């Protein structure tokens, strides 16, 4: 077995770290199938709006998701290809 000594997995490790929280993983999994606003997400998860907003802020800050303003709502979607790949591999 050979190891790639030149490959730096820092970016990949950061994505895995962010997705390592069950709530964030649920959010990203849902957003891979459908864009949603924060109200829809917290209603589906049964969590307080403040909790969901904190997780969304971190996911956005780390470049996993983005929000698009549509009128008074912000609709979130997954933009990071590795996050999409990880979620797809977990789905089987």
C-alpha atoms as a PDB file:
ATOM      1  CA  UNK A   1       0.000   0.000   0.000  1.00  0.00           C
ATOM      2  CA  UNK A   2       1.250   3.442  -0.902  1.00  0.00           C
ATOM      3  CA  UNK A   3       0.412   6.712   0.811  1.00  0.00           C
ATOM      4  CA  UNK A   4       0.348  10.004  -1.047  1.00  0.00           C
ATOM      5  CA  UNK A   5       2.712  12.143   1.005  1.00  0.00           C
ATOM      6  CA  UNK A   6       1.981  15.203  -1.131  1.00  0.00           C
ATOM      7  CA  UNK A   7      -1.822  15.207  -0.719  1.00  0.00           C
ATOM      8  CA  UNK A   8      -3.130  17.593   1.918  1.00  0.00           C
ATOM      9  CA  UNK A   9      -6.549  16.496   3.130  1.00  0.00           C
ATOM     10  CA  UNK A  10      -7.229  19.621   5.218  1.00  0.00           C
ATOM     11  CA  UNK A  11     -10.190  20.802   3.133  1.00  0.00           C
ATOM     12  CA  UNK A  12     -11.744  17.334   3.072  1.00  0.00           C
ATOM     13  CA  UNK A  13     -11.243  16.935   6.808  1.00  0.00           C
ATOM     14  CA  UNK A  14     -12.965  20.269   7.429  1.00  0.00           C
ATOM     15  CA  UNK A  15     -16.037  19.165   5.439  1.00  0.00           C
ATOM     16  CA  UNK A  16     -16.142  15.880   7.348  1.00  0.00           C
ATOM     17  CA  UNK A  17     -15.835  17.746  10.643  1.00  0.00           C
ATOM     18  CA  UNK A  18     -18.734  20.054   9.807  1.00  0.00           C
ATOM     19  CA  UNK A  19     -20.905  17.146   8.623  1.00  0.00           C
ATOM     20  CA  UNK A  20     -19.973  15.161  11.742  1.00  0.00           C
ATOM     21  CA  UNK A  21     -22.869  16.649  13.717  1.00  0.00           C
ATOM     22  CA  UNK A  22     -26.136  14.698  13.291  1.00  0.00           C
ATOM     23  CA  UNK A  23     -28.308  17.814  12.897  1.00  0.00           C
ATOM     24  CA  UNK A  24     -26.033  19.339  10.261  1.00  0.00           C
ATOM     25  CA  UNK A  25     -25.899  16.015   8.424  1.00  0.00           C
ATOM     26  CA  UNK A  26     -29.715  15.863   8.419  1.00  0.00           C
ATOM     27  CA  UNK A  27     -29.915  19.431   7.127  1.00  0.00           C
ATOM     28  CA  UNK A  28     -27.431  18.812   4.320  1.00  0.00           C
ATOM     29  CA  UNK A  29     -29.100  15.525   3.385  1.00  0.00           C
ATOM     30  CA  UNK A  30     -32.448  17.266   3.085  1.00  0.00           C
ATOM     31  CA  UNK A  31     -31.011  20.193   1.159  1.00  0.00           C
ATOM     32  CA  UNK A  32     -29.385  17.835  -1.342  1.00  0.00           C
ATOM     33  CA  UNK A  33     -32.855  16.839  -2.494  1.00  0.00           C
ATOM     34  CA  UNK A  34     -34.704  20.157  -2.188  1.00  0.00           C
ATOM     35  CA  UNK A  35     -34.023  23.832  -1.541  1.00  0.00           C
ATOM     36  CA  UNK A  36     -35.731  24.940   1.673  1.00  0.00           C
ATOM     37  CA  UNK A  37     -36.207  27.987   3.843  1.00  0.00           C
ATOM     38  CA  UNK A  38     -35.308  27.947   7.528  1.00  0.00           C
ATOM     39  CA  UNK A  39     -38.938  27.635   8.665  1.00  0.00           C
ATOM     40  CA  UNK A  40     -39.473  24.491   6.597  1.00  0.00           C
ATOM     41  CA  UNK A  41     -36.220  22.997   7.920  1.00  0.00           C
ATOM     42  CA  UNK A  42     -36.985  23.557  11.614  1.00  0.00           C
ATOM     43  CA  UNK A  43     -40.547  22.321  11.172  1.00  0.00           C
ATOM     44  CA  UNK A  44     -39.314  19.111   9.503  1.00  0.00           C
ATOM     45  CA  UNK A  45     -36.639  18.522  12.139  1.00  0.00           C
ATOM     46  CA  UNK A  46     -38.794  19.530  15.105  1.00  0.00           C
ATOM     47  CA  UNK A  47     -36.041  21.763  16.462  1.00  0.00           C
ATOM     48  CA  UNK A  48     -36.135  25.374  17.661  1.00  0.00           C
ATOM     49  CA  UNK A  49     -35.613  27.970  14.954  1.00  0.00           C
ATOM     50  CA  UNK A  50     -32.582  29.376  16.770  1.00  0.00           C
ATOM     51  CA  UNK A  51     -30.864  25.962  16.794  1.00  0.00           C
ATOM     52  CA  UNK A  52     -31.445  25.427  13.078  1.00  0.00           C
ATOM     53  CA  UNK A  53     -30.274  28.967  12.287  1.00  0.00           C
ATOM     54  CA  UNK A  54     -26.996  28.368  14.163  1.00  0.00           C
ATOM     55  CA  UNK A  55     -26.334  25.188  12.181  1.00  0.00           C
ATOM     56  CA  UNK A  56     -27.229  26.910   8.901  1.00  0.00           C
ATOM     57  CA  UNK A  57     -24.863  29.785   9.717  1.00  0.00           C
ATOM     58  CA  UNK A  58     -21.977  27.380  10.281  1.00  0.00           C
ATOM     59  CA  UNK A  59     -22.743  25.411   7.111  1.00  0.00           C
ATOM     60  CA  UNK A  60     -22.892  28.654   5.156  1.00  0.00           C
ATOM     61  CA  UNK A  61     -19.678  29.986   6.716  1.00  0.00           C
ATOM     62  CA  UNK A  62     -17.847  26.769   5.775  1.00  0.00           C
ATOM     63  CA  UNK A  63     -19.075  26.944   2.165  1.00  0.00           C
ATOM     64  CA  UNK A  64     -21.264  23.849   2.342  1.00  0.00           C
ATOM     65  CA  UNK A  65     -24.537  25.673   1.604  1.00  0.00           C
ATOM     66  CA  UNK A  66     -25.640  29.006   0.220  1.00  0.00           C
ATOM     67  CA  UNK A  67     -28.750  31.051   0.729  1.00  0.00           C
ATOM     68  CA  UNK A  68     -30.667  32.794  -2.035  1.00  0.00           C
ATOM     69  CA  UNK A  69     -33.082  35.534  -1.078  1.00  0.00           C
ATOM     70  CA  UNK A  70     -36.510  35.163  -2.634  1.00  0.00           C
ATOM     71  CA  UNK A  71     -38.683  38.018  -1.394  1.00  0.00           C
ATOM     72  CA  UNK A  72     -38.660  37.903   2.399  1.00  0.00           C
ATOM     73  CA  UNK A  73     -37.414  34.287   2.547  1.00  0.00           C
ATOM     74  CA  UNK A  74     -33.957  32.806   2.128  1.00  0.00           C
ATOM     75  CA  UNK A  75     -33.839  29.426   0.394  1.00  0.00           C
ATOM     76  CA  UNK A  76     -30.828  27.246   1.170  1.00  0.00           C
ATOM     77  CA  UNK A  77     -29.133  24.691  -1.072  1.00  0.00           C
ATOM     78  CA  UNK A  78     -25.974  22.575  -0.972  1.00  0.00           C
ATOM     79  CA  UNK A  79     -23.147  23.973  -3.106  1.00  0.00           C
ATOM     80  CA  UNK A  80     -20.142  21.932  -1.944  1.00  0.00           C
ATOM     81  CA  UNK A  81     -19.553  18.943  -4.262  1.00  0.00           C
ATOM     82  CA  UNK A  82     -17.804  16.847  -1.599  1.00  0.00           C
ATOM     83  CA  UNK A  83     -20.725  17.315   0.800  1.00  0.00           C
ATOM     84  CA  UNK A  84     -23.076  16.092  -1.937  1.00  0.00           C
ATOM     85  CA  UNK A  85     -20.843  13.079  -2.581  1.00  0.00           C
ATOM     86  CA  UNK A  86     -20.670  12.189   1.111  1.00  0.00           C
ATOM     87  CA  UNK A  87     -24.445  12.405   1.526  1.00  0.00           C
ATOM     88  CA  UNK A  88     -24.997  10.324  -1.622  1.00  0.00           C
ATOM     89  CA  UNK A  89     -22.611   7.638  -0.387  1.00  0.00           C
ATOM     90  CA  UNK A  90     -24.418   7.464   2.968  1.00  0.00           C
ATOM     91  CA  UNK A  91     -27.766   7.022   1.210  1.00  0.00           C
ATOM     92  CA  UNK A  92     -26.417   3.848  -0.311  1.00  0.00           C
END
